[in-house]
PDB file of all heavy atoms in Angstrom:
ATOM      1  N   HIS A   1       0.804  -1.218   0.000  1.00  0.00           N
ATOM      2  CA  HIS A   1       0.000   0.000   0.000  1.00  0.00           C
ATOM      3  C   HIS A   1       0.837   1.269   0.000  1.00  0.00           C
ATOM      4  O   HIS A   1       0.296   2.366   0.142  1.00  0.00           O
ATOM      5  CB  HIS A   1      -0.908   0.036   1.233  1.00  0.00           C
ATOM      6  CG  HIS A   1      -2.012  -0.965   1.209  1.00  0.00           C
ATOM      7  ND1 HIS A   1      -3.257  -0.700   0.692  1.00  0.00           N
ATOM      8  CD2 HIS A   1      -2.066  -2.244   1.648  1.00  0.00           C
ATOM      9  CE1 HIS A   1      -4.024  -1.763   0.820  1.00  0.00           C
ATOM     10  NE2 HIS A   1      -3.323  -2.716   1.389  1.00  0.00           N
ATOM     11  N   ALA A   2       2.158   1.138  -0.080  1.00  0.00           N
ATOM     12  CA  ALA A   2       3.054   2.279   0.130  1.00  0.00           C
ATOM     13  C   ALA A   2       2.660   3.485  -0.722  1.00  0.00           C
ATOM     14  O   ALA A   2       2.488   3.379  -1.931  1.00  0.00           O
ATOM     15  CB  ALA A   2       4.489   1.878  -0.176  1.00  0.00           C
ATOM     16  N   GLN A   3       2.487   4.626  -0.048  1.00  0.00           N
ATOM     17  CA  GLN A   3       2.173   5.887  -0.729  1.00  0.00           C
ATOM     18  C   GLN A   3       3.130   6.947  -0.189  1.00  0.00           C
ATOM     19  O   GLN A   3       2.789   7.732   0.686  1.00  0.00           O
ATOM     20  CB  GLN A   3       0.721   6.301  -0.471  1.00  0.00           C
ATOM     21  CG  GLN A   3      -0.287   5.293  -1.002  1.00  0.00           C
ATOM     22  CD  GLN A   3      -1.711   5.805  -0.887  1.00  0.00           C
ATOM     23  OE1 GLN A   3      -1.973   6.968  -1.101  1.00  0.00           O
ATOM     24  NE2 GLN A   3      -2.629   4.925  -0.549  1.00  0.00           N
ATOM     25  N   SER A   4       4.348   6.932  -0.683  1.00  0.00           N
ATOM     26  CA  SER A   4       5.399   7.778  -0.130  1.00  0.00           C
ATOM     27  C   SER A   4       5.160   9.265  -0.356  1.00  0.00           C
ATOM     28  O   SER A   4       5.728  10.105   0.327  1.00  0.00           O
ATOM     29  CB  SER A   4       6.755   7.390  -0.744  1.00  0.00           C
ATOM     30  OG  SER A   4       6.713   7.509  -2.154  1.00  0.00           O
ATOM     31  N   SER A   5       4.306   9.611  -1.307  1.00  0.00           N
ATOM     32  CA  SER A   5       4.074  11.015  -1.616  1.00  0.00           C
ATOM     33  C   SER A   5       3.083  11.669  -0.663  1.00  0.00           C
ATOM     34  O   SER A   5       2.892  12.878  -0.702  1.00  0.00           O
ATOM     35  CB  SER A   5       3.549  11.155  -3.051  1.00  0.00           C
ATOM     36  OG  SER A   5       2.295  10.503  -3.187  1.00  0.00           O
ATOM     37  N   GLN A   6       2.442  10.879   0.202  1.00  0.00           N
ATOM     38  CA  GLN A   6       1.465  11.436   1.127  1.00  0.00           C
ATOM     39  C   GLN A   6       1.859  11.111   2.558  1.00  0.00           C
ATOM     40  O   GLN A   6       2.622  10.192   2.819  1.00  0.00           O
ATOM     41  CB  GLN A   6       0.072  10.880   0.825  1.00  0.00           C
ATOM     42  CG  GLN A   6      -0.442  11.265  -0.545  1.00  0.00           C
ATOM     43  CD  GLN A   6      -1.914  10.962  -0.695  1.00  0.00           C
ATOM     44  OE1 GLN A   6      -2.733  11.369   0.103  1.00  0.00           O
ATOM     45  NE2 GLN A   6      -2.247  10.229  -1.744  1.00  0.00           N
ATOM     46  N   TYR A   7       1.288  11.882   3.491  1.00  0.00           N
ATOM     47  CA  TYR A   7       1.673  11.765   4.887  1.00  0.00           C
ATOM     48  C   TYR A   7       0.461  12.083   5.748  1.00  0.00           C
ATOM     49  O   TYR A   7      -0.253  13.061   5.478  1.00  0.00           O
ATOM     50  CB  TYR A   7       2.827  12.743   5.170  1.00  0.00           C
ATOM     51  CG  TYR A   7       3.383  12.663   6.568  1.00  0.00           C
ATOM     52  CD1 TYR A   7       4.004  11.508   7.026  1.00  0.00           C
ATOM     53  CD2 TYR A   7       3.308  13.763   7.427  1.00  0.00           C
ATOM     54  CE1 TYR A   7       4.535  11.442   8.303  1.00  0.00           C
ATOM     55  CE2 TYR A   7       3.841  13.712   8.708  1.00  0.00           C
ATOM     56  CZ  TYR A   7       4.455  12.543   9.140  1.00  0.00           C
ATOM     57  OH  TYR A   7       4.977  12.476  10.412  1.00  0.00           O
ATOM     58  N   TRP A   8       0.228  11.290   6.763  1.00  0.00           N
ATOM     59  CA  TRP A   8      -0.881  11.491   7.679  1.00  0.00           C
ATOM     60  C   TRP A   8      -0.284  11.707   9.064  1.00  0.00           C
ATOM     61  O   TRP A   8      -0.051  10.740   9.813  1.00  0.00           O
ATOM     62  CB  TRP A   8      -1.829  10.298   7.633  1.00  0.00           C
ATOM     63  CG  TRP A   8      -2.539  10.210   6.312  1.00  0.00           C
ATOM     64  CD1 TRP A   8      -3.737  10.775   6.001  1.00  0.00           C
ATOM     65  CD2 TRP A   8      -2.077   9.575   5.119  1.00  0.00           C
ATOM     66  NE1 TRP A   8      -4.061  10.519   4.683  1.00  0.00           N
ATOM     67  CE2 TRP A   8      -3.058   9.782   4.119  1.00  0.00           C
ATOM     68  CE3 TRP A   8      -0.946   8.842   4.781  1.00  0.00           C
ATOM     69  CZ2 TRP A   8      -2.940   9.288   2.825  1.00  0.00           C
ATOM     70  CZ3 TRP A   8      -0.806   8.359   3.501  1.00  0.00           C
ATOM     71  CH2 TRP A   8      -1.794   8.573   2.545  1.00  0.00           C
ATOM     72  N   PRO A   9       0.008  12.956   9.425  1.00  0.00           N
ATOM     73  CA  PRO A   9       0.819  13.238  10.614  1.00  0.00           C
ATOM     74  C   PRO A   9       0.207  12.762  11.927  1.00  0.00           C
ATOM     75  O   PRO A   9       0.925  12.282  12.804  1.00  0.00           O
ATOM     76  CB  PRO A   9       0.974  14.760  10.586  1.00  0.00           C
ATOM     77  CG  PRO A   9      -0.114  15.253   9.699  1.00  0.00           C
ATOM     78  CD  PRO A   9      -0.350  14.184   8.695  1.00  0.00           C
ATOM     79  N   ARG A  10      -1.120  12.900  12.070  1.00  0.00           N
ATOM     80  CA  ARG A  10      -1.732  12.473  13.329  1.00  0.00           C
ATOM     81  C   ARG A  10      -1.648  10.957  13.485  1.00  0.00           C
ATOM     82  O   ARG A  10      -1.361  10.456  14.573  1.00  0.00           O
ATOM     83  CB  ARG A  10      -3.188  12.928  13.376  1.00  0.00           C
ATOM     84  CG  ARG A  10      -3.383  14.428  13.396  1.00  0.00           C
ATOM     85  CD  ARG A  10      -4.876  14.737  13.406  1.00  0.00           C
ATOM     86  NE  ARG A  10      -5.150  16.137  13.132  1.00  0.00           N
ATOM     87  CZ  ARG A  10      -6.369  16.611  12.879  1.00  0.00           C
ATOM     88  NH1 ARG A  10      -7.405  15.792  12.863  1.00  0.00           N
ATOM     89  NH2 ARG A  10      -6.549  17.885  12.639  1.00  0.00           N
ATOM     90  N   CYS A  11      -1.898  10.240  12.406  1.00  0.00           N
ATOM     91  CA  CYS A  11      -1.804   8.785  12.447  1.00  0.00           C
ATOM     92  C   CYS A  11      -0.373   8.358  12.757  1.00  0.00           C
ATOM     93  O   CYS A  11      -0.140   7.436  13.550  1.00  0.00           O
ATOM     94  CB  CYS A  11      -2.261   8.182  11.124  1.00  0.00           C
ATOM     95  SG  CYS A  11      -2.195   6.384  11.070  1.00  0.00           S
ATOM     96  N   GLU A  12       0.583   9.038  12.137  1.00  0.00           N
ATOM     97  CA  GLU A  12       1.994   8.700  12.331  1.00  0.00           C
ATOM     98  C   GLU A  12       2.394   8.876  13.798  1.00  0.00           C
ATOM     99  O   GLU A  12       3.041   8.010  14.395  1.00  0.00           O
ATOM    100  CB  GLU A  12       2.863   9.582  11.433  1.00  0.00           C
ATOM    101  CG  GLU A  12       4.250   9.064  11.203  1.00  0.00           C
ATOM    102  CD  GLU A  12       4.295   7.853  10.297  1.00  0.00           C
ATOM    103  OE1 GLU A  12       3.333   7.621   9.528  1.00  0.00           O
ATOM    104  OE2 GLU A  12       5.291   7.116  10.379  1.00  0.00           O
ATOM    105  N   ALA A  13       1.987   9.987  14.387  1.00  0.00           N
ATOM    106  CA  ALA A  13       2.307  10.248  15.791  1.00  0.00           C
ATOM    107  C   ALA A  13       1.592   9.257  16.711  1.00  0.00           C
ATOM    108  O   ALA A  13       2.177   8.761  17.686  1.00  0.00           O
ATOM    109  CB  ALA A  13       1.918  11.684  16.149  1.00  0.00           C
ATOM    110  N   PHE A  14       0.351   8.975  16.411  1.00  0.00           N
ATOM    111  CA  PHE A  14      -0.448   8.038  17.199  1.00  0.00           C
ATOM    112  C   PHE A  14       0.194   6.652  17.194  1.00  0.00           C
ATOM    113  O   PHE A  14       0.362   6.025  18.250  1.00  0.00           O
ATOM    114  CB  PHE A  14      -1.858   7.987  16.600  1.00  0.00           C
ATOM    115  CG  PHE A  14      -2.877   7.252  17.428  1.00  0.00           C
ATOM    116  CD1 PHE A  14      -3.625   7.914  18.391  1.00  0.00           C
ATOM    117  CD2 PHE A  14      -3.121   5.905  17.222  1.00  0.00           C
ATOM    118  CE1 PHE A  14      -4.589   7.248  19.133  1.00  0.00           C
ATOM    119  CE2 PHE A  14      -4.067   5.228  17.958  1.00  0.00           C
ATOM    120  CZ  PHE A  14      -4.806   5.900  18.920  1.00  0.00           C
ATOM    121  N   TYR A  15       0.570   6.196  16.020  1.00  0.00           N
ATOM    122  CA  TYR A  15       1.177   4.861  15.886  1.00  0.00           C
ATOM    123  C   TYR A  15       2.443   4.726  16.720  1.00  0.00           C
ATOM    124  O   TYR A  15       2.688   3.678  17.321  1.00  0.00           O
ATOM    125  CB  TYR A  15       1.485   4.582  14.413  1.00  0.00           C
ATOM    126  CG  TYR A  15       2.398   3.400  14.206  1.00  0.00           C
ATOM    127  CD1 TYR A  15       1.998   2.112  14.583  1.00  0.00           C
ATOM    128  CD2 TYR A  15       3.669   3.565  13.646  1.00  0.00           C
ATOM    129  CE1 TYR A  15       2.849   1.024  14.406  1.00  0.00           C
ATOM    130  CE2 TYR A  15       4.510   2.485  13.463  1.00  0.00           C
ATOM    131  CZ  TYR A  15       4.096   1.216  13.849  1.00  0.00           C
ATOM    132  OH  TYR A  15       4.940   0.152  13.685  1.00  0.00           O
ATOM    133  N   ARG A  16       3.241   5.773  16.815  1.00  0.00           N
ATOM    134  CA  ARG A  16       4.506   5.706  17.546  1.00  0.00           C
ATOM    135  C   ARG A  16       4.305   5.602  19.059  1.00  0.00           C
ATOM    136  O   ARG A  16       5.247   5.317  19.790  1.00  0.00           O
ATOM    137  CB  ARG A  16       5.368   6.919  17.227  1.00  0.00           C
ATOM    138  CG  ARG A  16       5.930   6.918  15.810  1.00  0.00           C
ATOM    139  CD  ARG A  16       7.086   7.900  15.671  1.00  0.00           C
ATOM    140  NE  ARG A  16       6.676   9.272  15.913  1.00  0.00           N
ATOM    141  CZ  ARG A  16       6.311  10.116  14.942  1.00  0.00           C
ATOM    142  NH1 ARG A  16       6.287   9.711  13.676  1.00  0.00           N
ATOM    143  NH2 ARG A  16       5.968  11.358  15.236  1.00  0.00           N
ATOM    144  N   GLN A  17       3.067   5.808  19.515  1.00  0.00           N
ATOM    145  CA  GLN A  17       2.810   5.846  20.957  1.00  0.00           C
ATOM    146  C   GLN A  17       2.013   4.661  21.499  1.00  0.00           C
ATOM    147  O   GLN A  17       1.995   4.451  22.708  1.00  0.00           O
ATOM    148  CB  GLN A  17       2.036   7.124  21.305  1.00  0.00           C
ATOM    149  CG  GLN A  17       2.797   8.415  21.079  1.00  0.00           C
ATOM    150  CD  GLN A  17       1.922   9.605  21.421  1.00  0.00           C
ATOM    151  OE1 GLN A  17       1.166  10.102  20.592  1.00  0.00           O
ATOM    152  NE2 GLN A  17       2.003  10.063  22.657  1.00  0.00           N
ATOM    153  N   ILE A  18       1.336   3.899  20.645  1.00  0.00           N
ATOM    154  CA  ILE A  18       0.291   2.996  21.143  1.00  0.00           C
ATOM    155  C   ILE A  18       0.770   1.578  21.456  1.00  0.00           C
ATOM    156  O   ILE A  18       1.653   1.042  20.803  1.00  0.00           O
ATOM    157  CB  ILE A  18      -0.887   2.907  20.147  1.00  0.00           C
ATOM    158  CG1 ILE A  18      -0.390   2.548  18.737  1.00  0.00           C
ATOM    159  CG2 ILE A  18      -1.687   4.187  20.168  1.00  0.00           C
ATOM    160  CD1 ILE A  18      -1.510   2.293  17.742  1.00  0.00           C
ATOM    161  N   ILE A  19       0.165   1.009  22.489  1.00  0.00           N
ATOM    162  CA  ILE A  19       0.289  -0.404  22.843  1.00  0.00           C
ATOM    163  C   ILE A  19      -1.086  -0.869  23.320  1.00  0.00           C
ATOM    164  O   ILE A  19      -1.770  -0.149  24.064  1.00  0.00           O
ATOM    165  CB  ILE A  19       1.321  -0.635  23.960  1.00  0.00           C
ATOM    166  CG1 ILE A  19       2.730  -0.273  23.498  1.00  0.00           C
ATOM    167  CG2 ILE A  19       1.296  -2.082  24.440  1.00  0.00           C
ATOM    168  CD1 ILE A  19       3.791  -0.455  24.567  1.00  0.00           C
ATOM    169  N   SER A  20      -1.483  -2.063  22.921  1.00  0.00           N
ATOM    170  CA  SER A  20      -2.730  -2.655  23.410  1.00  0.00           C
ATOM    171  C   SER A  20      -2.411  -3.609  24.561  1.00  0.00           C
ATOM    172  O   SER A  20      -1.621  -4.543  24.400  1.00  0.00           O
ATOM    173  CB  SER A  20      -3.445  -3.416  22.291  1.00  0.00           C
ATOM    174  OG  SER A  20      -3.816  -2.550  21.245  1.00  0.00           O
ATOM    175  N   LEU A  21      -3.045  -3.364  25.698  1.00  0.00           N
ATOM    176  CA  LEU A  21      -2.885  -4.225  26.872  1.00  0.00           C
ATOM    177  C   LEU A  21      -3.926  -5.346  26.843  1.00  0.00           C
ATOM    178  O   LEU A  21      -4.934  -5.251  26.130  1.00  0.00           O
ATOM    179  CB  LEU A  21      -3.055  -3.403  28.146  1.00  0.00           C
ATOM    180  CG  LEU A  21      -2.065  -2.263  28.365  1.00  0.00           C
ATOM    181  CD1 LEU A  21      -2.404  -1.530  29.670  1.00  0.00           C
ATOM    182  CD2 LEU A  21      -0.633  -2.767  28.394  1.00  0.00           C
ATOM    183  N   PRO A  22      -3.735  -6.411  27.614  1.00  0.00           N
ATOM    184  CA  PRO A  22      -4.720  -7.495  27.653  1.00  0.00           C
ATOM    185  C   PRO A  22      -6.099  -7.010  28.085  1.00  0.00           C
ATOM    186  O   PRO A  22      -6.232  -6.230  29.029  1.00  0.00           O
ATOM    187  CB  PRO A  22      -4.129  -8.463  28.679  1.00  0.00           C
ATOM    188  CG  PRO A  22      -2.660  -8.245  28.589  1.00  0.00           C
ATOM    189  CD  PRO A  22      -2.522  -6.759  28.366  1.00  0.00           C
ATOM    190  N   LEU A  23      -7.119  -7.475  27.384  1.00  0.00           N
ATOM    191  CA  LEU A  23      -8.507  -7.165  27.717  1.00  0.00           C
ATOM    192  C   LEU A  23      -9.411  -8.203  27.081  1.00  0.00           C
ATOM    193  O   LEU A  23      -9.412  -8.359  25.858  1.00  0.00           O
ATOM    194  CB  LEU A  23      -8.897  -5.768  27.215  1.00  0.00           C
ATOM    195  CG  LEU A  23     -10.331  -5.326  27.531  1.00  0.00           C
ATOM    196  CD1 LEU A  23     -10.504  -5.100  29.029  1.00  0.00           C
ATOM    197  CD2 LEU A  23     -10.696  -4.061  26.754  1.00  0.00           C
ATOM    198  N   PHE A  24     -10.169  -8.913  27.906  1.00  0.00           N
ATOM    199  CA  PHE A  24     -11.136  -9.894  27.423  1.00  0.00           C
ATOM    200  C   PHE A  24     -12.088 -10.199  28.575  1.00  0.00           C
ATOM    201  O   PHE A  24     -11.726 -10.051  29.753  1.00  0.00           O
ATOM    202  CB  PHE A  24     -10.439 -11.165  26.917  1.00  0.00           C
ATOM    203  CG  PHE A  24      -9.332 -11.680  27.792  1.00  0.00           C
ATOM    204  CD1 PHE A  24      -9.558 -12.662  28.739  1.00  0.00           C
ATOM    205  CD2 PHE A  24      -8.048 -11.159  27.676  1.00  0.00           C
ATOM    206  CE1 PHE A  24      -8.537 -13.131  29.549  1.00  0.00           C
ATOM    207  CE2 PHE A  24      -7.015 -11.618  28.474  1.00  0.00           C
ATOM    208  CZ  PHE A  24      -7.249 -12.609  29.422  1.00  0.00           C
ATOM    209  N   PRO A  25     -13.341 -10.588  28.289  1.00  0.00           N
ATOM    210  CA  PRO A  25     -14.353 -10.695  29.345  1.00  0.00           C
ATOM    211  C   PRO A  25     -14.010 -11.662  30.477  1.00  0.00           C
ATOM    212  O   PRO A  25     -14.371 -11.411  31.631  1.00  0.00           O
ATOM    213  CB  PRO A  25     -15.606 -11.164  28.591  1.00  0.00           C
ATOM    214  CG  PRO A  25     -15.402 -10.683  27.204  1.00  0.00           C
ATOM    215  CD  PRO A  25     -13.928 -10.771  26.955  1.00  0.00           C
ATOM    216  N   ARG A  26     -13.317 -12.753  30.193  1.00  0.00           N
ATOM    217  CA  ARG A  26     -13.006 -13.713  31.259  1.00  0.00           C
ATOM    218  C   ARG A  26     -11.699 -13.378  31.975  1.00  0.00           C
ATOM    219  O   ARG A  26     -11.225 -14.146  32.817  1.00  0.00           O
ATOM    220  CB  ARG A  26     -12.940 -15.137  30.697  1.00  0.00           C
ATOM    221  CG  ARG A  26     -11.852 -15.395  29.690  1.00  0.00           C
ATOM    222  CD  ARG A  26     -11.920 -16.837  29.179  1.00  0.00           C
ATOM    223  NE  ARG A  26     -10.924 -17.094  28.149  1.00  0.00           N
ATOM    224  CZ  ARG A  26      -9.671 -17.500  28.385  1.00  0.00           C
ATOM    225  NH1 ARG A  26      -9.270 -17.701  29.627  1.00  0.00           N
ATOM    226  NH2 ARG A  26      -8.837 -17.712  27.385  1.00  0.00           N
ATOM    227  N   MET A  27     -11.132 -12.220  31.660  1.00  0.00           N
ATOM    228  CA  MET A  27      -9.946 -11.753  32.380  1.00  0.00           C
ATOM    229  C   MET A  27     -10.297 -11.542  33.852  1.00  0.00           C
ATOM    230  O   MET A  27     -11.292 -10.908  34.190  1.00  0.00           O
ATOM    231  CB  MET A  27      -9.460 -10.435  31.770  1.00  0.00           C
ATOM    232  CG  MET A  27      -8.157  -9.925  32.341  1.00  0.00           C
ATOM    233  SD  MET A  27      -7.673  -8.346  31.570  1.00  0.00           S
ATOM    234  CE  MET A  27      -5.965  -8.257  32.086  1.00  0.00           C
ATOM    235  N   THR A  28      -9.469 -12.077  34.738  1.00  0.00           N
ATOM    236  CA  THR A  28      -9.722 -11.943  36.169  1.00  0.00           C
ATOM    237  C   THR A  28      -9.078 -10.679  36.714  1.00  0.00           C
ATOM    238  O   THR A  28      -8.168 -10.111  36.097  1.00  0.00           O
ATOM    239  CB  THR A  28      -9.163 -13.152  36.931  1.00  0.00           C
ATOM    240  OG1 THR A  28      -7.720 -13.154  36.809  1.00  0.00           O
ATOM    241  CG2 THR A  28      -9.716 -14.462  36.386  1.00  0.00           C
ATOM    242  N   ASN A  29      -9.546 -10.252  37.873  1.00  0.00           N
ATOM    243  CA  ASN A  29      -8.921  -9.098  38.522  1.00  0.00           C
ATOM    244  C   ASN A  29      -7.458  -9.395  38.839  1.00  0.00           C
ATOM    245  O   ASN A  29      -6.603  -8.502  38.765  1.00  0.00           O
ATOM    246  CB  ASN A  29      -9.676  -8.741  39.796  1.00  0.00           C
ATOM    247  CG  ASN A  29     -11.014  -8.065  39.507  1.00  0.00           C
ATOM    248  OD1 ASN A  29     -11.367  -7.831  38.356  1.00  0.00           O
ATOM    249  ND2 ASN A  29     -11.758  -7.766  40.553  1.00  0.00           N
ATOM    250  N   ALA A  30      -7.166 -10.639  39.201  1.00  0.00           N
ATOM    251  CA  ALA A  30      -5.786 -11.012  39.511  1.00  0.00           C
ATOM    252  C   ALA A  30      -4.891 -10.876  38.273  1.00  0.00           C
ATOM    253  O   ALA A  30      -3.742 -10.418  38.373  1.00  0.00           O
ATOM    254  CB  ALA A  30      -5.738 -12.438  40.050  1.00  0.00           C
ATOM    255  N   GLU A  31      -5.409 -11.273  37.124  1.00  0.00           N
ATOM    256  CA  GLU A  31      -4.639 -11.111  35.886  1.00  0.00           C
ATOM    257  C   GLU A  31      -4.416  -9.637  35.582  1.00  0.00           C
ATOM    258  O   GLU A  31      -3.317  -9.227  35.175  1.00  0.00           O
ATOM    259  CB  GLU A  31      -5.357 -11.795  34.720  1.00  0.00           C
ATOM    260  CG  GLU A  31      -5.308 -13.311  34.777  1.00  0.00           C
ATOM    261  CD  GLU A  31      -6.136 -13.967  33.692  1.00  0.00           C
ATOM    262  OE1 GLU A  31      -7.239 -13.465  33.407  1.00  0.00           O
ATOM    263  OE2 GLU A  31      -5.692 -14.989  33.153  1.00  0.00           O
ATOM    264  N   GLN A  32      -5.447  -8.836  35.777  1.00  0.00           N
ATOM    265  CA  GLN A  32      -5.309  -7.410  35.536  1.00  0.00           C
ATOM    266  C   GLN A  32      -4.324  -6.779  36.524  1.00  0.00           C
ATOM    267  O   GLN A  32      -3.509  -5.922  36.153  1.00  0.00           O
ATOM    268  CB  GLN A  32      -6.667  -6.713  35.623  1.00  0.00           C
ATOM    269  CG  GLN A  32      -6.640  -5.286  35.120  1.00  0.00           C
ATOM    270  CD  GLN A  32      -8.004  -4.654  35.089  1.00  0.00           C
ATOM    271  OE1 GLN A  32      -8.822  -4.863  35.996  1.00  0.00           O
ATOM    272  NE2 GLN A  32      -8.280  -3.867  34.054  1.00  0.00           N
ATOM    273  N   ASP A  33      -4.365  -7.229  37.777  1.00  0.00           N
ATOM    274  CA  ASP A  33      -3.406  -6.750  38.774  1.00  0.00           C
ATOM    275  C   ASP A  33      -1.974  -7.040  38.324  1.00  0.00           C
ATOM    276  O   ASP A  33      -1.072  -6.211  38.524  1.00  0.00           O
ATOM    277  CB  ASP A  33      -3.657  -7.427  40.124  1.00  0.00           C
ATOM    278  CG  ASP A  33      -4.962  -6.985  40.774  1.00  0.00           C
ATOM    279  OD1 ASP A  33      -5.520  -5.953  40.346  1.00  0.00           O
ATOM    280  OD2 ASP A  33      -5.418  -7.686  41.696  1.00  0.00           O
ATOM    281  N   GLU A  34      -1.760  -8.219  37.731  1.00  0.00           N
ATOM    282  CA  GLU A  34      -0.428  -8.593  37.267  1.00  0.00           C
ATOM    283  C   GLU A  34       0.032  -7.669  36.133  1.00  0.00           C
ATOM    284  O   GLU A  34       1.197  -7.254  36.089  1.00  0.00           O
ATOM    285  CB  GLU A  34      -0.427 -10.055  36.803  1.00  0.00           C
ATOM    286  CG  GLU A  34       0.903 -10.555  36.282  1.00  0.00           C
ATOM    287  CD  GLU A  34       1.996 -10.577  37.325  1.00  0.00           C
ATOM    288  OE1 GLU A  34       1.683 -10.551  38.540  1.00  0.00           O
ATOM    289  OE2 GLU A  34       3.171 -10.617  36.926  1.00  0.00           O
ATOM    290  N   VAL A  35      -0.883  -7.337  35.213  1.00  0.00           N
ATOM    291  CA  VAL A  35      -0.540  -6.426  34.120  1.00  0.00           C
ATOM    292  C   VAL A  35      -0.107  -5.076  34.687  1.00  0.00           C
ATOM    293  O   VAL A  35       0.930  -4.516  34.294  1.00  0.00           O
ATOM    294  CB  VAL A  35      -1.726  -6.237  33.160  1.00  0.00           C
ATOM    295  CG1 VAL A  35      -1.396  -5.183  32.097  1.00  0.00           C
ATOM    296  CG2 VAL A  35      -2.094  -7.555  32.488  1.00  0.00           C
ATOM    297  N   VAL A  36      -0.877  -4.543  35.623  1.00  0.00           N
ATOM    298  CA  VAL A  36      -0.572  -3.237  36.203  1.00  0.00           C
ATOM    299  C   VAL A  36       0.731  -3.295  37.002  1.00  0.00           C
ATOM    300  O   VAL A  36       1.548  -2.362  36.953  1.00  0.00           O
ATOM    301  CB  VAL A  36      -1.739  -2.757  37.079  1.00  0.00           C
ATOM    302  CG1 VAL A  36      -1.373  -1.454  37.797  1.00  0.00           C
ATOM    303  CG2 VAL A  36      -2.987  -2.540  36.227  1.00  0.00           C
ATOM    304  N   LYS A  37       0.951  -4.381  37.713  1.00  0.00           N
ATOM    305  CA  LYS A  37       2.196  -4.540  38.469  1.00  0.00           C
ATOM    306  C   LYS A  37       3.411  -4.472  37.544  1.00  0.00           C
ATOM    307  O   LYS A  37       4.412  -3.794  37.849  1.00  0.00           O
ATOM    308  CB  LYS A  37       2.177  -5.875  39.212  1.00  0.00           C
ATOM    309  CG  LYS A  37       3.459  -6.201  39.957  1.00  0.00           C
ATOM    310  CD  LYS A  37       3.420  -7.602  40.528  1.00  0.00           C
ATOM    311  CE  LYS A  37       4.771  -7.998  41.113  1.00  0.00           C
ATOM    312  NZ  LYS A  37       4.787  -9.415  41.568  1.00  0.00           N
TER     313      LYS A  37
END
């Protein structure tokens, strides 16, 4: 999909910052405590 002639600055900045943490309905509080720890 490379489009070197265009630039999406907000997306670029957003991508450099993001991480997805564990999240699912059967996640226990203990598991979440471990993530935060």
